[in-house]
Amino acid sequence: MPRLAFAATGLLAACLSIQPAAAQRSGVYAVEGRGADGTAYQGSATLTATGPQTWRMTWRVAGETTNGIALTVGNLLVIGYVSGRETGVVAYEVMADGRLVGRWTQGREGGVGTETLSPR
């Protein structure tokens, strides 16, 4: 039993030391991306904390607004969203300089786009 308690204590300590990257923060970001077809786009995004590891994201691109909800997992920010009548998902890697560098897919056709969010 002591060996099990020691292992459990070590696992708990390891889990507690995993925190979202310090560079990730609420605020406004500049958006630069490319769709699955290679088309470039720009816009803005607002990231708002809703809990210790949960977020709300709003993108404004080409005159349209898209809303999503997010969860941090290690150094990733994973977001599910609805754009028009299509659902999508994006996974951003949280960089040390505060940028969010991601890949996304949306709709039935799939395809993968890329997107970088830079803090303003």
Protein backbone atom coordinates (compact mmCIF):
# COMPACT_ATOMS: atom_id res chain seq x y z
CA MET A 1 0.00 0.00 0.00
CA PRO A 2 2.76 2.57 0.75
CA ARG A 3 4.19 2.00 -2.75
CA LEU A 4 0.74 2.69 -4.26
CA ALA A 5 0.33 5.85 -2.16
CA PHE A 6 3.79 7.03 -3.28
CA ALA A 7 2.92 6.42 -6.94
CA ALA A 8 -0.43 8.19 -6.56
CA THR A 9 1.26 11.17 -4.90
CA GLY A 10 3.78 11.39 -7.76
CA LEU A 11 1.02 11.21 -10.36
CA LEU A 12 -0.97 13.92 -8.58
CA ALA A 13 2.10 16.17 -8.40
CA ALA A 14 2.76 15.66 -12.11
CA CYS A 15 -0.85 16.51 -13.00
CA LEU A 16 -0.85 19.63 -10.85
CA SER A 17 2.35 20.86 -12.51
CA ILE A 18 0.68 20.80 -15.95
CA GLN A 19 -0.64 24.29 -16.52
CA PRO A 20 -1.78 26.14 -19.63
CA ALA A 21 1.08 27.99 -21.28
CA ALA A 22 1.67 31.33 -19.60
CA ALA A 23 1.69 33.08 -22.99
CA GLN A 24 -1.98 32.25 -23.60
CA ARG A 25 -4.22 35.07 -22.46
CA SER A 26 -7.55 36.74 -23.00
CA GLY A 27 -7.50 39.53 -25.52
CA VAL A 28 -7.67 40.53 -29.16
CA TYR A 29 -5.58 38.76 -31.80
CA ALA A 30 -4.76 39.49 -35.44
CA VAL A 31 -5.75 36.52 -37.63
CA GLU A 32 -3.81 35.36 -40.70
CA GLY A 33 -4.70 32.10 -42.37
CA ARG A 34 -5.07 29.94 -45.45
CA GLY A 35 -8.08 27.83 -46.29
CA ALA A 36 -7.79 24.21 -47.41
CA ASP A 37 -7.80 25.49 -51.02
CA GLY A 38 -4.85 27.85 -50.30
CA THR A 39 -6.91 31.07 -50.22
CA ALA A 40 -5.39 33.61 -47.82
CA TYR A 41 -7.54 35.54 -45.34
CA GLN A 42 -7.11 38.03 -42.49
CA GLY A 43 -9.24 39.26 -39.63
CA SER A 44 -9.37 39.48 -35.87
CA ALA A 45 -10.27 37.20 -33.00
CA THR A 46 -11.16 37.76 -29.35
CA LEU A 47 -10.30 35.13 -26.76
CA THR A 48 -12.09 35.33 -23.40
CA ALA A 49 -11.41 33.09 -20.39
CA THR A 50 -14.52 31.41 -18.98
CA GLY A 51 -12.70 29.25 -16.42
CA PRO A 52 -9.20 28.04 -15.53
CA GLN A 53 -8.94 25.93 -18.71
CA THR A 54 -11.96 27.02 -20.74
CA TRP A 55 -12.40 29.86 -23.20
CA ARG A 56 -14.80 31.56 -25.58
CA MET A 57 -13.50 32.59 -29.03
CA THR A 58 -15.03 35.02 -31.52
CA TRP A 59 -13.49 35.43 -34.98
CA ARG A 60 -14.31 38.30 -37.37
CA VAL A 61 -13.17 37.45 -40.91
CA ALA A 62 -14.48 38.83 -44.23
CA GLY A 63 -17.42 40.56 -42.53
CA GLU A 64 -18.62 37.37 -40.82
CA THR A 65 -18.57 36.48 -37.13
CA THR A 66 -17.90 32.93 -35.93
CA ASN A 67 -18.18 31.80 -32.30
CA GLY A 68 -16.57 28.84 -30.57
CA ILE A 69 -15.78 27.31 -27.22
CA ALA A 70 -12.32 26.11 -26.25
CA LEU A 71 -10.39 23.93 -23.86
CA THR A 72 -6.69 24.00 -23.06
CA VAL A 73 -4.92 20.63 -23.14
CA GLY A 74 -1.25 21.01 -22.23
CA ASN A 75 0.14 23.56 -24.70
CA LEU A 76 -2.82 23.21 -27.08
CA LEU A 77 -5.94 25.32 -27.33
CA VAL A 78 -8.67 23.19 -28.96
CA ILE A 79 -11.82 24.93 -30.22
CA GLY A 80 -15.10 23.65 -31.60
CA TYR A 81 -17.09 26.23 -33.57
CA VAL A 82 -20.05 26.82 -35.86
CA SER A 83 -19.64 28.93 -39.00
CA GLY A 84 -22.89 29.46 -40.86
CA ARG A 85 -24.40 25.97 -41.09
CA GLU A 86 -21.10 24.10 -40.76
CA THR A 87 -19.25 22.85 -37.71
CA GLY A 88 -15.48 22.89 -37.39
CA VAL A 89 -12.56 22.36 -35.08
CA VAL A 90 -9.20 24.08 -34.72
CA ALA A 91 -6.17 23.11 -32.62
CA TYR A 92 -3.67 25.87 -31.84
CA GLU A 93 -0.24 25.38 -30.35
CA VAL A 94 0.41 28.10 -27.77
CA MET A 95 3.81 29.61 -28.56
CA ALA A 96 6.10 31.24 -25.98
CA ASP A 97 5.70 34.65 -27.66
CA GLY A 98 1.90 34.55 -27.28
CA ARG A 99 1.03 33.53 -30.85
CA LEU A 100 -1.43 30.71 -31.44
CA VAL A 101 -0.41 28.57 -34.44
CA GLY A 102 -3.09 26.20 -35.63
CA ARG A 103 -4.67 23.85 -38.11
CA TRP A 104 -8.41 23.63 -38.72
CA THR A 105 -11.06 21.71 -40.61
CA GLN A 106 -14.70 22.51 -41.26
CA GLY A 107 -17.75 21.01 -42.93
CA ARG A 108 -18.36 17.70 -44.65
CA GLU A 109 -15.66 18.05 -47.28
CA GLY A 110 -12.89 18.29 -44.74
CA GLY A 111 -9.59 19.66 -45.89
CA VAL A 112 -7.15 21.33 -43.55
CA GLY A 113 -6.44 25.03 -43.30
CA THR A 114 -3.80 26.86 -41.27
CA GLU A 115 -4.17 29.90 -39.06
CA THR A 116 -1.93 32.05 -36.86
CA LEU A 117 -3.30 34.38 -34.21
CA SER A 118 -0.92 37.13 -33.02
CA PRO A 119 -1.67 39.18 -29.89
CA ARG A 120 -2.42 42.85 -30.55
